């Protein structure tokens, strides 16, 4: 017996918030032991995995590190899946 189902998987969404790298490097390990990333690096890696940035927002005062605030950014990325009519 063959079972035909209409299957429409949802697209995949990926969201992350990261500290902004202060250097010209793609990413860096900060003195606190946290990683920081450049916007261009995150978007390039996303594209390599078929993720499209659908929302980007820089975030001032992202978090505190000691007495100082750290700048950050948030990314929302989307990967469209091919939809199949059979399971």
C-alpha atoms as a PDB file:
ATOM      1  CA  UNK A   1       0.000   0.000   0.000  1.00  0.00           C
ATOM      2  CA  UNK A   2       1.300   3.462  -0.874  1.00  0.00           C
ATOM      3  CA  UNK A   3       0.437   6.368   1.376  1.00  0.00           C
ATOM      4  CA  UNK A   4       0.348   9.775  -0.309  1.00  0.00           C
ATOM      5  CA  UNK A   5       0.323  12.714   2.053  1.00  0.00           C
ATOM      6  CA  UNK A   6       0.565  16.400   1.415  1.00  0.00           C
ATOM      7  CA  UNK A   7       3.604  17.446   3.399  1.00  0.00           C
ATOM      8  CA  UNK A   8       4.555  21.092   3.663  1.00  0.00           C
ATOM      9  CA  UNK A   9       7.418  21.457   6.103  1.00  0.00           C
ATOM     10  CA  UNK A  10       7.943  24.872   7.570  1.00  0.00           C
ATOM     11  CA  UNK A  11      10.901  26.968   6.614  1.00  0.00           C
ATOM     12  CA  UNK A  12      13.739  27.018   9.127  1.00  0.00           C
ATOM     13  CA  UNK A  13      14.383  30.147  11.181  1.00  0.00           C
ATOM     14  CA  UNK A  14      17.567  30.840  13.119  1.00  0.00           C
ATOM     15  CA  UNK A  15      17.952  33.699  15.596  1.00  0.00           C
ATOM     16  CA  UNK A  16      20.980  34.705  17.615  1.00  0.00           C
ATOM     17  CA  UNK A  17      22.372  37.662  19.509  1.00  0.00           C
ATOM     18  CA  UNK A  18      26.116  38.223  19.557  1.00  0.00           C
ATOM     19  CA  UNK A  19      28.626  40.735  20.826  1.00  0.00           C
ATOM     20  CA  UNK A  20      30.162  42.925  18.113  1.00  0.00           C
ATOM     21  CA  UNK A  21      33.845  42.367  17.382  1.00  0.00           C
ATOM     22  CA  UNK A  22      35.836  45.565  17.908  1.00  0.00           C
ATOM     23  CA  UNK A  23      38.694  44.411  15.697  1.00  0.00           C
ATOM     24  CA  UNK A  24      38.999  43.940  11.960  1.00  0.00           C
ATOM     25  CA  UNK A  25      38.974  40.174  12.527  1.00  0.00           C
ATOM     26  CA  UNK A  26      35.963  38.034  11.574  1.00  0.00           C
ATOM     27  CA  UNK A  27      35.568  37.066  15.213  1.00  0.00           C
ATOM     28  CA  UNK A  28      37.568  37.357  18.387  1.00  0.00           C
ATOM     29  CA  UNK A  29      37.812  35.910  21.859  1.00  0.00           C
ATOM     30  CA  UNK A  30      37.341  38.769  24.320  1.00  0.00           C
ATOM     31  CA  UNK A  31      39.173  39.084  27.664  1.00  0.00           C
ATOM     32  CA  UNK A  32      35.998  37.890  29.420  1.00  0.00           C
ATOM     33  CA  UNK A  33      36.209  34.584  27.517  1.00  0.00           C
ATOM     34  CA  UNK A  34      33.230  35.388  25.281  1.00  0.00           C
ATOM     35  CA  UNK A  35      33.299  35.378  21.503  1.00  0.00           C
ATOM     36  CA  UNK A  36      32.450  38.483  19.472  1.00  0.00           C
ATOM     37  CA  UNK A  37      31.609  38.445  15.741  1.00  0.00           C
ATOM     38  CA  UNK A  38      31.533  40.940  12.883  1.00  0.00           C
ATOM     39  CA  UNK A  39      28.235  41.370  11.015  1.00  0.00           C
ATOM     40  CA  UNK A  40      29.811  40.550   7.643  1.00  0.00           C
ATOM     41  CA  UNK A  41      31.243  37.289   8.981  1.00  0.00           C
ATOM     42  CA  UNK A  42      27.931  36.091  10.433  1.00  0.00           C
ATOM     43  CA  UNK A  43      26.064  36.907   7.209  1.00  0.00           C
ATOM     44  CA  UNK A  44      28.718  35.203   5.045  1.00  0.00           C
ATOM     45  CA  UNK A  45      28.591  32.012   7.120  1.00  0.00           C
ATOM     46  CA  UNK A  46      24.795  32.128   6.971  1.00  0.00           C
ATOM     47  CA  UNK A  47      24.860  32.367   3.171  1.00  0.00           C
ATOM     48  CA  UNK A  48      27.251  29.406   3.017  1.00  0.00           C
ATOM     49  CA  UNK A  49      24.474  27.421   4.709  1.00  0.00           C
ATOM     50  CA  UNK A  50      21.639  28.879   2.600  1.00  0.00           C
ATOM     51  CA  UNK A  51      20.437  31.202   5.360  1.00  0.00           C
ATOM     52  CA  UNK A  52      19.154  34.629   4.362  1.00  0.00           C
ATOM     53  CA  UNK A  53      19.254  37.470   6.889  1.00  0.00           C
ATOM     54  CA  UNK A  54      15.665  38.694   7.161  1.00  0.00           C
ATOM     55  CA  UNK A  55      16.252  40.991  10.131  1.00  0.00           C
ATOM     56  CA  UNK A  56      19.365  42.616  11.562  1.00  0.00           C
ATOM     57  CA  UNK A  57      19.494  45.046  14.431  1.00  0.00           C
ATOM     58  CA  UNK A  58      22.509  46.567  16.188  1.00  0.00           C
ATOM     59  CA  UNK A  59      22.026  46.679  19.948  1.00  0.00           C
ATOM     60  CA  UNK A  60      23.647  49.341  22.113  1.00  0.00           C
ATOM     61  CA  UNK A  61      23.991  48.349  25.761  1.00  0.00           C
ATOM     62  CA  UNK A  62      23.606  44.690  24.745  1.00  0.00           C
ATOM     63  CA  UNK A  63      24.937  43.508  28.103  1.00  0.00           C
ATOM     64  CA  UNK A  64      27.238  44.687  30.880  1.00  0.00           C
ATOM     65  CA  UNK A  65      30.766  43.513  31.314  1.00  0.00           C
ATOM     66  CA  UNK A  66      32.058  44.915  34.582  1.00  0.00           C
ATOM     67  CA  UNK A  67      31.184  48.611  34.659  1.00  0.00           C
ATOM     68  CA  UNK A  68      31.006  48.981  30.873  1.00  0.00           C
ATOM     69  CA  UNK A  69      28.262  48.156  28.407  1.00  0.00           C
ATOM     70  CA  UNK A  70      29.038  45.910  25.443  1.00  0.00           C
ATOM     71  CA  UNK A  71      27.608  46.520  21.974  1.00  0.00           C
ATOM     72  CA  UNK A  72      25.912  43.623  20.259  1.00  0.00           C
ATOM     73  CA  UNK A  73      23.642  42.692  17.388  1.00  0.00           C
ATOM     74  CA  UNK A  74      20.761  40.361  16.695  1.00  0.00           C
ATOM     75  CA  UNK A  75      20.251  38.300  13.555  1.00  0.00           C
ATOM     76  CA  UNK A  76      17.151  36.507  12.343  1.00  0.00           C
ATOM     77  CA  UNK A  77      17.872  34.243   9.395  1.00  0.00           C
ATOM     78  CA  UNK A  78      15.649  32.053   7.274  1.00  0.00           C
ATOM     79  CA  UNK A  79      16.269  28.934   5.205  1.00  0.00           C
ATOM     80  CA  UNK A  80      13.543  28.039   2.753  1.00  0.00           C
ATOM     81  CA  UNK A  81      12.914  24.337   2.424  1.00  0.00           C
ATOM     82  CA  UNK A  82      11.862  22.598  -0.750  1.00  0.00           C
ATOM     83  CA  UNK A  83       8.308  21.390  -0.278  1.00  0.00           C
ATOM     84  CA  UNK A  84       7.474  17.818  -1.192  1.00  0.00           C
ATOM     85  CA  UNK A  85       4.060  16.345  -1.968  1.00  0.00           C
ATOM     86  CA  UNK A  86       4.994  12.831  -0.927  1.00  0.00           C
ATOM     87  CA  UNK A  87       6.187  11.281   2.288  1.00  0.00           C
END
